PDB file of N, CA and C in Angstrom:
ATOM      1  N   MET A   1      13.155   1.238 -22.104  1.00  0.00           N
ATOM      2  CA  MET A   1      12.654   0.022 -22.127  1.00  0.00           C
ATOM      3  C   MET A   1      14.248  -0.619 -20.313  1.00  0.00           C
ATOM      4  N   ARG A   2      13.392  -1.015 -19.240  1.00  0.00           N
ATOM      5  CA  ARG A   2      13.807  -1.579 -17.968  1.00  0.00           C
ATOM      6  C   ARG A   2      14.972  -2.659 -17.996  1.00  0.00           C
ATOM      7  N   THR A   3      16.173  -1.962 -17.423  1.00  0.00           N
ATOM      8  CA  THR A   3      16.827  -2.991 -17.327  1.00  0.00           C
ATOM      9  C   THR A   3      17.327  -3.931 -16.280  1.00  0.00           C
ATOM     10  N   LYS A   4      16.443  -3.493 -15.093  1.00  0.00           N
ATOM     11  CA  LYS A   4      17.022  -4.112 -14.157  1.00  0.00           C
ATOM     12  C   LYS A   4      15.767  -4.556 -13.197  1.00  0.00           C
ATOM     13  N   SER A   5      15.106  -5.599 -12.842  1.00  0.00           N
ATOM     14  CA  SER A   5      13.455  -5.586 -12.237  1.00  0.00           C
ATOM     15  C   SER A   5      13.785  -4.982 -10.989  1.00  0.00           C
ATOM     16  N   VAL A   6      12.873  -5.081 -10.458  1.00  0.00           N
ATOM     17  CA  VAL A   6      12.230  -4.166  -8.847  1.00  0.00           C
ATOM     18  C   VAL A   6      11.141  -4.602  -8.657  1.00  0.00           C
ATOM     19  N   LEU A   7      10.723  -4.886  -6.891  1.00  0.00           N
ATOM     20  CA  LEU A   7       9.957  -6.054  -6.447  1.00  0.00           C
ATOM     21  C   LEU A   7       8.742  -5.177  -6.068  1.00  0.00           C
ATOM     22  N   ARG A   8       7.944  -5.800  -6.457  1.00  0.00           N
ATOM     23  CA  ARG A   8       6.946  -4.231  -6.630  1.00  0.00           C
ATOM     24  C   ARG A   8       5.766  -4.908  -5.050  1.00  0.00           C
ATOM     25  N   HIS A   9       5.626  -4.766  -4.505  1.00  0.00           N
ATOM     26  CA  HIS A   9       3.895  -4.695  -3.499  1.00  0.00           C
ATOM     27  C   HIS A   9       2.999  -3.412  -3.594  1.00  0.00           C
ATOM     28  N   VAL A  10       2.030  -4.522  -4.198  1.00  0.00           N
ATOM     29  CA  VAL A  10       0.851  -4.316  -4.520  1.00  0.00           C
ATOM     30  C   VAL A  10      -0.161  -4.913  -2.386  1.00  0.00           C
ATOM     31  N   VAL A  11      -0.697  -3.058  -2.588  1.00  0.00           N
ATOM     32  CA  VAL A  11      -2.088  -3.251  -0.825  1.00  0.00           C
ATOM     33  C   VAL A  11      -3.164  -2.695  -1.693  1.00  0.00           C
ATOM     34  N   LEU A  12      -4.133  -3.744  -1.325  1.00  0.00           N
ATOM     35  CA  LEU A  12      -5.371  -3.321  -2.181  1.00  0.00           C
ATOM     36  C   LEU A  12      -6.241  -2.957  -0.613  1.00  0.00           C
ATOM     37  N   PHE A  13      -7.103  -2.489  -0.131  1.00  0.00           N
ATOM     38  CA  PHE A  13      -7.687  -2.020   0.739  1.00  0.00           C
ATOM     39  C   PHE A  13      -9.562  -1.806   0.533  1.00  0.00           C
ATOM     40  N   GLY A  14     -10.374  -2.066   1.479  1.00  0.00           N
ATOM     41  CA  GLY A  14     -11.383  -1.736   1.358  1.00  0.00           C
ATOM     42  C   GLY A  14     -12.133  -1.320   2.579  1.00  0.00           C
ATOM     43  N   PHE A  15     -12.590  -0.724   2.789  1.00  0.00           N
ATOM     44  CA  PHE A  15     -12.819   0.391   4.213  1.00  0.00           C
ATOM     45  C   PHE A  15     -14.283  -0.022   5.074  1.00  0.00           C
ATOM     46  N   THR A  16     -14.303  -0.306   6.354  1.00  0.00           N
ATOM     47  CA  THR A  16     -15.591  -0.466   6.691  1.00  0.00           C
ATOM     48  C   THR A  16     -16.477   0.129   6.511  1.00  0.00           C
ATOM     49  N   PRO A  17     -17.740  -0.183   6.694  1.00  0.00           N
ATOM     50  CA  PRO A  17     -18.376   1.301   5.828  1.00  0.00           C
ATOM     51  C   PRO A  17     -18.633   2.856   7.031  1.00  0.00           C
ATOM     52  N   GLU A  18     -18.337   2.237   8.261  1.00  0.00           N
ATOM     53  CA  GLU A  18     -17.785   3.374   9.674  1.00  0.00           C
ATOM     54  C   GLU A  18     -16.852   3.968   9.424  1.00  0.00           C
ATOM     55  N   THR A  19     -16.041   3.667   8.812  1.00  0.00           N
ATOM     56  CA  THR A  19     -14.767   4.374   8.532  1.00  0.00           C
ATOM     57  C   THR A  19     -15.027   5.495   7.690  1.00  0.00           C
ATOM     58  N   THR A  20     -14.632   6.480   8.206  1.00  0.00           N
ATOM     59  CA  THR A  20     -15.430   8.238   7.413  1.00  0.00           C
ATOM     60  C   THR A  20     -14.712   8.767   6.735  1.00  0.00           C
ATOM     61  N   PRO A  21     -14.501   9.273   5.700  1.00  0.00           N
ATOM     62  CA  PRO A  21     -14.045  10.503   4.953  1.00  0.00           C
ATOM     63  C   PRO A  21     -12.562  10.867   5.174  1.00  0.00           C
ATOM     64  N   ASP A  22     -12.140  11.421   6.582  1.00  0.00           N
ATOM     65  CA  ASP A  22     -11.670  11.843   7.664  1.00  0.00           C
ATOM     66  C   ASP A  22     -10.329  10.664   7.916  1.00  0.00           C
ATOM     67  N   GLN A  23     -11.039   9.621   8.455  1.00  0.00           N
ATOM     68  CA  GLN A  23     -10.265   7.926   8.526  1.00  0.00           C
ATOM     69  C   GLN A  23      -9.654   7.818   7.350  1.00  0.00           C
ATOM     70  N   VAL A  24     -10.351   7.830   6.364  1.00  0.00           N
ATOM     71  CA  VAL A  24      -9.617   7.866   4.909  1.00  0.00           C
ATOM     72  C   VAL A  24      -8.280   8.320   4.650  1.00  0.00           C
ATOM     73  N   ARG A  25      -8.757   9.791   4.874  1.00  0.00           N
ATOM     74  CA  ARG A  25      -7.593  10.481   4.794  1.00  0.00           C
ATOM     75  C   ARG A  25      -6.260  10.065   5.152  1.00  0.00           C
ATOM     76  N   ALA A  26      -6.433  10.867   6.549  1.00  0.00           N
ATOM     77  CA  ALA A  26      -5.721  10.392   7.886  1.00  0.00           C
ATOM     78  C   ALA A  26      -4.623   8.824   7.095  1.00  0.00           C
ATOM     79  N   ILE A  27      -5.615   7.723   6.798  1.00  0.00           N
ATOM     80  CA  ILE A  27      -4.990   6.479   6.839  1.00  0.00           C
ATOM     81  C   ILE A  27      -4.404   6.452   4.865  1.00  0.00           C
ATOM     82  N   GLU A  28      -4.430   7.387   4.051  1.00  0.00           N
ATOM     83  CA  GLU A  28      -3.586   8.184   2.567  1.00  0.00           C
ATOM     84  C   GLU A  28      -3.085   8.342   2.728  1.00  0.00           C
ATOM     85  N   ASP A  29      -3.284   9.568   3.912  1.00  0.00           N
ATOM     86  CA  ASP A  29      -2.097  10.292   4.035  1.00  0.00           C
ATOM     87  C   ASP A  29      -0.257   9.298   5.043  1.00  0.00           C
ATOM     88  N   ALA A  30      -0.769   8.245   5.929  1.00  0.00           N
ATOM     89  CA  ALA A  30       0.098   7.986   6.704  1.00  0.00           C
ATOM     90  C   ALA A  30       0.244   7.087   5.651  1.00  0.00           C
ATOM     91  N   PHE A  31       0.117   5.963   4.765  1.00  0.00           N
ATOM     92  CA  PHE A  31       0.798   5.585   3.931  1.00  0.00           C
ATOM     93  C   PHE A  31       1.740   6.208   3.205  1.00  0.00           C
ATOM     94  N   ALA A  32       1.114   7.324   2.218  1.00  0.00           N
ATOM     95  CA  ALA A  32       2.472   8.195   1.665  1.00  0.00           C
ATOM     96  C   ALA A  32       3.233   8.649   2.660  1.00  0.00           C
ATOM     97  N   ALA A  33       3.296   8.703   3.397  1.00  0.00           N
ATOM     98  CA  ALA A  33       4.496   9.060   4.330  1.00  0.00           C
ATOM     99  C   ALA A  33       5.373   8.206   4.795  1.00  0.00           C
ATOM    100  N   LEU A  34       4.687   7.104   4.346  1.00  0.00           N
ATOM    101  CA  LEU A  34       6.226   5.893   4.784  1.00  0.00           C
ATOM    102  C   LEU A  34       7.766   6.195   4.016  1.00  0.00           C
ATOM    103  N   PRO A  35       7.324   6.567   2.575  1.00  0.00           N
ATOM    104  CA  PRO A  35       8.667   5.912   2.172  1.00  0.00           C
ATOM    105  C   PRO A  35       9.746   7.499   2.923  1.00  0.00           C
ATOM    106  N   ALA A  36       9.512   8.295   3.093  1.00  0.00           N
ATOM    107  CA  ALA A  36       9.729   9.627   4.305  1.00  0.00           C
ATOM    108  C   ALA A  36      10.554   9.131   5.084  1.00  0.00           C
ATOM    109  N   GLN A  37      10.481   7.460   5.630  1.00  0.00           N
ATOM    110  CA  GLN A  37      10.297   7.644   6.764  1.00  0.00           C
ATOM    111  C   GLN A  37      11.521   5.412   6.561  1.00  0.00           C
ATOM    112  N   ILE A  38      11.017   4.921   5.331  1.00  0.00           N
ATOM    113  CA  ILE A  38      12.403   3.744   5.880  1.00  0.00           C
ATOM    114  C   ILE A  38      12.515   3.950   4.265  1.00  0.00           C
ATOM    115  N   PRO A  39      13.467   4.903   3.958  1.00  0.00           N
ATOM    116  CA  PRO A  39      14.884   4.753   3.104  1.00  0.00           C
ATOM    117  C   PRO A  39      14.330   3.796   1.530  1.00  0.00           C
ATOM    118  N   GLU A  40      14.048   2.302   2.463  1.00  0.00           N
ATOM    119  CA  GLU A  40      14.296   0.403   1.451  1.00  0.00           C
ATOM    120  C   GLU A  40      13.261   1.010   0.052  1.00  0.00           C
ATOM    121  N   ILE A  41      12.051   2.036   0.187  1.00  0.00           N
ATOM    122  CA  ILE A  41      11.176   2.334  -0.668  1.00  0.00           C
ATOM    123  C   ILE A  41      11.553   3.261  -1.840  1.00  0.00           C
ATOM    124  N   ILE A  42      11.824   3.114  -2.672  1.00  0.00           N
ATOM    125  CA  ILE A  42      12.629   3.527  -3.698  1.00  0.00           C
ATOM    126  C   ILE A  42      11.369   4.463  -4.991  1.00  0.00           C
ATOM    127  N   ASP A  43      10.140   3.539  -4.902  1.00  0.00           N
ATOM    128  CA  ASP A  43       8.898   4.368  -5.317  1.00  0.00           C
ATOM    129  C   ASP A  43       7.304   4.029  -4.569  1.00  0.00           C
ATOM    130  N   PHE A  44       6.610   4.973  -4.640  1.00  0.00           N
ATOM    131  CA  PHE A  44       5.635   4.611  -4.244  1.00  0.00           C
ATOM    132  C   PHE A  44       4.347   5.178  -4.878  1.00  0.00           C
ATOM    133  N   GLU A  45       3.162   4.822  -5.683  1.00  0.00           N
ATOM    134  CA  GLU A  45       2.197   5.435  -5.426  1.00  0.00           C
ATOM    135  C   GLU A  45       1.085   5.139  -5.106  1.00  0.00           C
ATOM    136  N   TRP A  46      -0.423   5.991  -5.263  1.00  0.00           N
ATOM    137  CA  TRP A  46      -1.046   4.871  -5.133  1.00  0.00           C
ATOM    138  C   TRP A  46      -2.642   5.876  -5.601  1.00  0.00           C
ATOM    139  N   GLY A  47      -3.935   5.382  -5.482  1.00  0.00           N
ATOM    140  CA  GLY A  47      -4.748   5.512  -6.814  1.00  0.00           C
ATOM    141  C   GLY A  47      -6.279   5.021  -6.031  1.00  0.00           C
ATOM    142  N   THR A  48      -7.503   5.386  -6.382  1.00  0.00           N
ATOM    143  CA  THR A  48      -8.536   4.727  -6.127  1.00  0.00           C
ATOM    144  C   THR A  48      -8.971   4.127  -7.204  1.00  0.00           C
ATOM    145  N   ASP A  49     -10.325   3.225  -7.228  1.00  0.00           N
ATOM    146  CA  ASP A  49     -10.790   2.637  -8.062  1.00  0.00           C
ATOM    147  C   ASP A  49     -11.193   4.207  -9.493  1.00  0.00           C
ATOM    148  N   VAL A  50     -10.795   3.534 -10.215  1.00  0.00           N
ATOM    149  CA  VAL A  50     -12.440   4.240 -11.442  1.00  0.00           C
ATOM    150  C   VAL A  50     -12.715   3.491 -12.288  1.00  0.00           C
ATOM    151  N   SER A  51     -12.596   2.806 -12.034  1.00  0.00           N
ATOM    152  CA  SER A  51     -12.862   2.060 -13.158  1.00  0.00           C
ATOM    153  C   SER A  51     -14.162   1.485 -13.662  1.00  0.00           C
ATOM    154  N   VAL A  52     -14.929   1.189 -14.820  1.00  0.00           N
ATOM    155  CA  VAL A  52     -16.268   1.485 -15.189  1.00  0.00           C
ATOM    156  C   VAL A  52     -16.713  -0.290 -14.998  1.00  0.00           C
ATOM    157  N   GLU A  53     -15.252  -1.182 -14.969  1.00  0.00           N
ATOM    158  CA  GLU A  53     -16.049  -2.115 -15.094  1.00  0.00           C
ATOM    159  C   GLU A  53     -16.559  -3.227 -13.766  1.00  0.00           C
ATOM    160  N   ASN A  54     -16.822  -2.511 -12.843  1.00  0.00           N
ATOM    161  CA  ASN A  54     -17.904  -3.062 -11.728  1.00  0.00           C
ATOM    162  C   ASN A  54     -17.014  -4.126 -11.262  1.00  0.00           C
ATOM    163  N   ALA A  55     -15.831  -4.781 -11.292  1.00  0.00           N
ATOM    164  CA  ALA A  55     -15.247  -4.972 -10.693  1.00  0.00           C
ATOM    165  C   ALA A  55     -14.301  -5.225  -9.697  1.00  0.00           C
ATOM    166  N   ALA A  56     -14.092  -4.735  -8.570  1.00  0.00           N
ATOM    167  CA  ALA A  56     -13.120  -4.016  -7.660  1.00  0.00           C
ATOM    168  C   ALA A  56     -13.746  -4.725  -6.409  1.00  0.00           C
ATOM    169  N   ARG A  57     -14.486  -5.093  -6.223  1.00  0.00           N
ATOM    170  CA  ARG A  57     -14.754  -6.607  -5.360  1.00  0.00           C
ATOM    171  C   ARG A  57     -15.025  -6.224  -4.117  1.00  0.00           C
ATOM    172  N   GLY A  58     -15.231  -4.288  -3.462  1.00  0.00           N
ATOM    173  CA  GLY A  58     -15.103  -3.610  -2.303  1.00  0.00           C
ATOM    174  C   GLY A  58     -13.831  -3.238  -2.255  1.00  0.00           C
ATOM    175  N   TYR A  59     -12.663  -3.073  -3.048  1.00  0.00           N
ATOM    176  CA  TYR A  59     -11.980  -2.851  -3.112  1.00  0.00           C
ATOM    177  C   TYR A  59     -11.570  -1.394  -3.523  1.00  0.00           C
ATOM    178  N   THR A  60     -11.330  -0.220  -2.780  1.00  0.00           N
ATOM    179  CA  THR A  60     -11.387   1.383  -3.386  1.00  0.00           C
ATOM    180  C   THR A  60      -9.541   1.452  -3.504  1.00  0.00           C
ATOM    181  N   HIS A  61      -9.010   1.791  -2.679  1.00  0.00           N
ATOM    182  CA  HIS A  61      -7.449   2.095  -2.633  1.00  0.00           C
ATOM    183  C   HIS A  61      -6.383   0.877  -3.104  1.00  0.00           C
ATOM    184  N   CYS A  62      -5.484   1.433  -3.873  1.00  0.00           N
ATOM    185  CA  CYS A  62      -4.515   0.411  -4.205  1.00  0.00           C
ATOM    186  C   CYS A  62      -2.716   1.174  -4.375  1.00  0.00           C
ATOM    187  N   PHE A  63      -2.168   0.767  -3.571  1.00  0.00           N
ATOM    188  CA  PHE A  63      -1.078   1.619  -3.157  1.00  0.00           C
ATOM    189  C   PHE A  63      -0.560   0.518  -3.829  1.00  0.00           C
ATOM    190  N   LEU A  64       0.503   0.974  -4.510  1.00  0.00           N
ATOM    191  CA  LEU A  64       1.847   0.773  -4.863  1.00  0.00           C
ATOM    192  C   LEU A  64       3.515   0.965  -4.561  1.00  0.00           C
ATOM    193  N   VAL A  65       4.287   0.098  -3.482  1.00  0.00           N
ATOM    194  CA  VAL A  65       5.361  -0.300  -2.879  1.00  0.00           C
ATOM    195  C   VAL A  65       6.098  -0.515  -3.489  1.00  0.00           C
ATOM    196  N   THR A  66       7.213   0.015  -3.938  1.00  0.00           N
ATOM    197  CA  THR A  66       8.209  -0.352  -5.312  1.00  0.00           C
ATOM    198  C   THR A  66       9.894  -0.364  -3.876  1.00  0.00           C
ATOM    199  N   PHE A  67      10.511  -1.803  -3.918  1.00  0.00           N
ATOM    200  CA  PHE A  67      11.696  -2.145  -3.559  1.00  0.00           C
ATOM    201  C   PHE A  67      12.837  -2.336  -4.521  1.00  0.00           C
ATOM    202  N   ARG A  68      14.247  -2.341  -3.642  1.00  0.00           N
ATOM    203  CA  ARG A  68      15.356  -2.989  -5.047  1.00  0.00           C
ATOM    204  C   ARG A  68      15.781  -4.257  -4.896  1.00  0.00           C
ATOM    205  N   ASP A  69      14.903  -5.102  -3.921  1.00  0.00           N
ATOM    206  CA  ASP A  69      15.333  -6.274  -3.248  1.00  0.00           C
ATOM    207  C   ASP A  69      14.558  -7.353  -2.749  1.00  0.00           C
ATOM    208  N   GLU A  70      14.421  -8.564  -2.426  1.00  0.00           N
ATOM    209  CA  GLU A  70      13.864  -8.303  -1.089  1.00  0.00           C
ATOM    210  C   GLU A  70      13.799  -8.286  -0.035  1.00  0.00           C
ATOM    211  N   ALA A  71      15.261  -8.075   0.179  1.00  0.00           N
ATOM    212  CA  ALA A  71      16.065  -7.713   1.398  1.00  0.00           C
ATOM    213  C   ALA A  71      15.385  -5.807   1.860  1.00  0.00           C
ATOM    214  N   GLY A  72      14.961  -5.267   1.494  1.00  0.00           N
ATOM    215  CA  GLY A  72      14.659  -3.950   0.861  1.00  0.00           C
ATOM    216  C   GLY A  72      12.862  -4.133   1.548  1.00  0.00           C
ATOM    217  N   ARG A  73      12.457  -5.474   1.480  1.00  0.00           N
ATOM    218  CA  ARG A  73      11.001  -5.801   1.515  1.00  0.00           C
ATOM    219  C   ARG A  73      10.662  -6.297   3.252  1.00  0.00           C
ATOM    220  N   ASP A  74      12.061  -6.944   3.088  1.00  0.00           N
ATOM    221  CA  ASP A  74      12.321  -7.585   4.620  1.00  0.00           C
ATOM    222  C   ASP A  74      12.610  -6.560   5.586  1.00  0.00           C
ATOM    223  N   ILE A  75      13.119  -5.622   5.248  1.00  0.00           N
ATOM    224  CA  ILE A  75      13.378  -4.630   6.166  1.00  0.00           C
ATOM    225  C   ILE A  75      11.513  -2.975   6.586  1.00  0.00           C
ATOM    226  N   TYR A  76      11.189  -2.551   5.937  1.00  0.00           N
ATOM    227  CA  TYR A  76      10.031  -2.839   5.225  1.00  0.00           C
ATOM    228  C   TYR A  76       9.163  -3.142   6.260  1.00  0.00           C
ATOM    229  N   LEU A  77       8.412  -4.441   6.427  1.00  0.00           N
ATOM    230  CA  LEU A  77       7.145  -5.293   6.975  1.00  0.00           C
ATOM    231  C   LEU A  77       7.764  -5.393   8.210  1.00  0.00           C
ATOM    232  N   PRO A  78       8.472  -5.556   9.066  1.00  0.00           N
ATOM    233  CA  PRO A  78       8.694  -5.377   9.904  1.00  0.00           C
ATOM    234  C   PRO A  78       8.960  -3.781  10.836  1.00  0.00           C
ATOM    235  N   HIS A  79       9.681  -2.649  10.260  1.00  0.00           N
ATOM    236  CA  HIS A  79       9.604  -1.415  10.327  1.00  0.00           C
ATOM    237  C   HIS A  79       9.523  -1.136  11.299  1.00  0.00           C
ATOM    238  N   PRO A  80       9.362  -0.165  12.542  1.00  0.00           N
ATOM    239  CA  PRO A  80       8.491   0.458  13.517  1.00  0.00           C
ATOM    240  C   PRO A  80       7.313   1.605  12.179  1.00  0.00           C
ATOM    241  N   ALA A  81       8.153   2.201  11.203  1.00  0.00           N
ATOM    242  CA  ALA A  81       6.661   3.109  10.722  1.00  0.00           C
ATOM    243  C   ALA A  81       6.057   2.487  10.293  1.00  0.00           C
ATOM    244  N   HIS A  82       6.301   0.955   9.640  1.00  0.00           N
ATOM    245  CA  HIS A  82       5.479   0.343   9.040  1.00  0.00           C
ATOM    246  C   HIS A  82       4.474  -0.456  10.233  1.00  0.00           C
ATOM    247  N   GLN A  83       4.729  -0.577  11.043  1.00  0.00           N
ATOM    248  CA  GLN A  83       3.968  -1.738  11.934  1.00  0.00           C
ATOM    249  C   GLN A  83       3.672  -0.020  12.605  1.00  0.00           C
ATOM    250  N   ARG A  84       3.215   0.623  13.331  1.00  0.00           N
ATOM    251  CA  ARG A  84       2.454   2.042  13.436  1.00  0.00           C
ATOM    252  C   ARG A  84       1.393   2.670  12.033  1.00  0.00           C
ATOM    253  N   PHE A  85       1.551   2.389  11.238  1.00  0.00           N
ATOM    254  CA  PHE A  85       0.923   2.233   9.854  1.00  0.00           C
ATOM    255  C   PHE A  85       0.271   1.567  10.109  1.00  0.00           C
ATOM    256  N   VAL A  86       0.184  -0.048  10.268  1.00  0.00           N
ATOM    257  CA  VAL A  86      -0.586  -1.409   9.614  1.00  0.00           C
ATOM    258  C   VAL A  86      -1.339  -1.295  11.470  1.00  0.00           C
ATOM    259  N   LYS A  87      -1.441  -0.170  12.743  1.00  0.00           N
ATOM    260  CA  LYS A  87      -1.745  -0.702  13.719  1.00  0.00           C
ATOM    261  C   LYS A  87      -3.214   0.842  13.628  1.00  0.00           C
ATOM    262  N   LEU A  88      -3.077   1.506  13.049  1.00  0.00           N
ATOM    263  CA  LEU A  88      -4.162   2.441  12.962  1.00  0.00           C
ATOM    264  C   LEU A  88      -4.507   2.124  11.551  1.00  0.00           C
ATOM    265  N   VAL A  89      -4.177   1.256  10.735  1.00  0.00           N
ATOM    266  CA  VAL A  89      -5.451   0.833   9.599  1.00  0.00           C
ATOM    267  C   VAL A  89      -5.815   0.129   9.540  1.00  0.00           C
ATOM    268  N   GLY A  90      -5.218  -1.029  10.809  1.00  0.00           N
ATOM    269  CA  GLY A  90      -6.660  -2.508  10.777  1.00  0.00           C
ATOM    270  C   GLY A  90      -7.777  -2.061  11.263  1.00  0.00           C
ATOM    271  N   PRO A  91      -8.212  -1.202  12.108  1.00  0.00           N
ATOM    272  CA  PRO A  91      -9.418  -1.173  13.079  1.00  0.00           C
ATOM    273  C   PRO A  91     -10.120  -0.438  11.717  1.00  0.00           C
ATOM    274  N   HIS A  92      -9.544  -0.499  10.581  1.00  0.00           N
ATOM    275  CA  HIS A  92     -10.623  -0.253   9.454  1.00  0.00           C
ATOM    276  C   HIS A  92     -11.390  -0.303   8.167  1.00  0.00           C
ATOM    277  N   LEU A  93     -10.711  -1.687   7.926  1.00  0.00           N
ATOM    278  CA  LEU A  93     -10.096  -2.444   6.723  1.00  0.00           C
ATOM    279  C   LEU A  93     -11.961  -3.800   6.519  1.00  0.00           C
ATOM    280  N   ALA A  94     -12.172  -3.541   6.417  1.00  0.00           N
ATOM    281  CA  ALA A  94     -13.308  -4.662   6.016  1.00  0.00           C
ATOM    282  C   ALA A  94     -13.086  -5.520   4.757  1.00  0.00           C
ATOM    283  N   GLN A  95     -11.701  -5.931   4.010  1.00  0.00           N
ATOM    284  CA  GLN A  95     -10.585  -6.174   2.982  1.00  0.00           C
ATOM    285  C   GLN A  95      -9.789  -5.634   2.994  1.00  0.00           C
ATOM    286  N   VAL A  96      -8.674  -6.351   2.934  1.00  0.00           N
ATOM    287  CA  VAL A  96      -7.134  -6.355   2.311  1.00  0.00           C
ATOM    288  C   VAL A  96      -6.711  -7.118   1.186  1.00  0.00           C
ATOM    289  N   LEU A  97      -5.571  -7.058   0.145  1.00  0.00           N
ATOM    290  CA  LEU A  97      -5.202  -7.844  -0.784  1.00  0.00           C
ATOM    291  C   LEU A  97      -4.071  -7.241  -0.658  1.00  0.00           C
ATOM    292  N   MET A  98      -2.613  -8.300  -0.098  1.00  0.00           N
ATOM    293  CA  MET A  98      -1.929  -7.889  -0.923  1.00  0.00           C
ATOM    294  C   MET A  98      -0.924  -8.827  -1.750  1.00  0.00           C
ATOM    295  N   LEU A  99       0.190  -8.537  -2.341  1.00  0.00           N
ATOM    296  CA  LEU A  99       0.638  -9.605  -3.705  1.00  0.00           C
ATOM    297  C   LEU A  99       1.748  -8.800  -3.626  1.00  0.00           C
ATOM    298  N   ASP A 100       3.186  -9.245  -4.108  1.00  0.00           N
ATOM    299  CA  ASP A 100       4.385  -8.796  -4.912  1.00  0.00           C
ATOM    300  C   ASP A 100       4.835  -9.435  -6.573  1.00  0.00           C
ATOM    301  N   TYR A 101       5.488  -8.633  -6.839  1.00  0.00           N
ATOM    302  CA  TYR A 101       5.859  -9.573  -7.781  1.00  0.00           C
ATOM    303  C   TYR A 101       6.898  -8.697  -8.002  1.00  0.00           C
ATOM    304  N   TRP A 102       7.916  -9.098  -9.415  1.00  0.00           N
ATOM    305  CA  TRP A 102       9.150  -8.550 -10.084  1.00  0.00           C
ATOM    306  C   TRP A 102       8.842  -8.153 -11.549  1.00  0.00           C
ATOM    307  N   SER A 103       9.007  -7.257 -11.189  1.00  0.00           N
ATOM    308  CA  SER A 103       8.727  -5.981 -12.761  1.00  0.00           C
ATOM    309  C   SER A 103       9.252  -6.580 -13.770  1.00  0.00           C
ATOM    310  N   ARG A 104       8.740  -6.966 -14.703  1.00  0.00           N
ATOM    311  CA  ARG A 104       9.214  -7.637 -16.122  1.00  0.00           C
ATOM    312  C   ARG A 104       9.078  -5.698 -17.136  1.00  0.00           C
TER     313      ARG A 104
END
């Protein structure tokens, strides 16, 4: 049983039709490289939609970034490595959804 809550930052991406599979892989790799560059990230995982319910509404990728607290998230958001990633992914996004929550 978890004794201490952590702050989860959920990011969903839906890519433009023009985004190539190689570009998607580069984006996946760049996002996955952030934990090594930003120590405030205490856990990271990601995956692609495999649901059979057809309710993803165009979102194909889900990334889960975990922080100990708001202070960690507040360092992550303007961090130069994160901002470089934002510039890389931005032109390829048809849609994005972000949600933060405290684990229970």
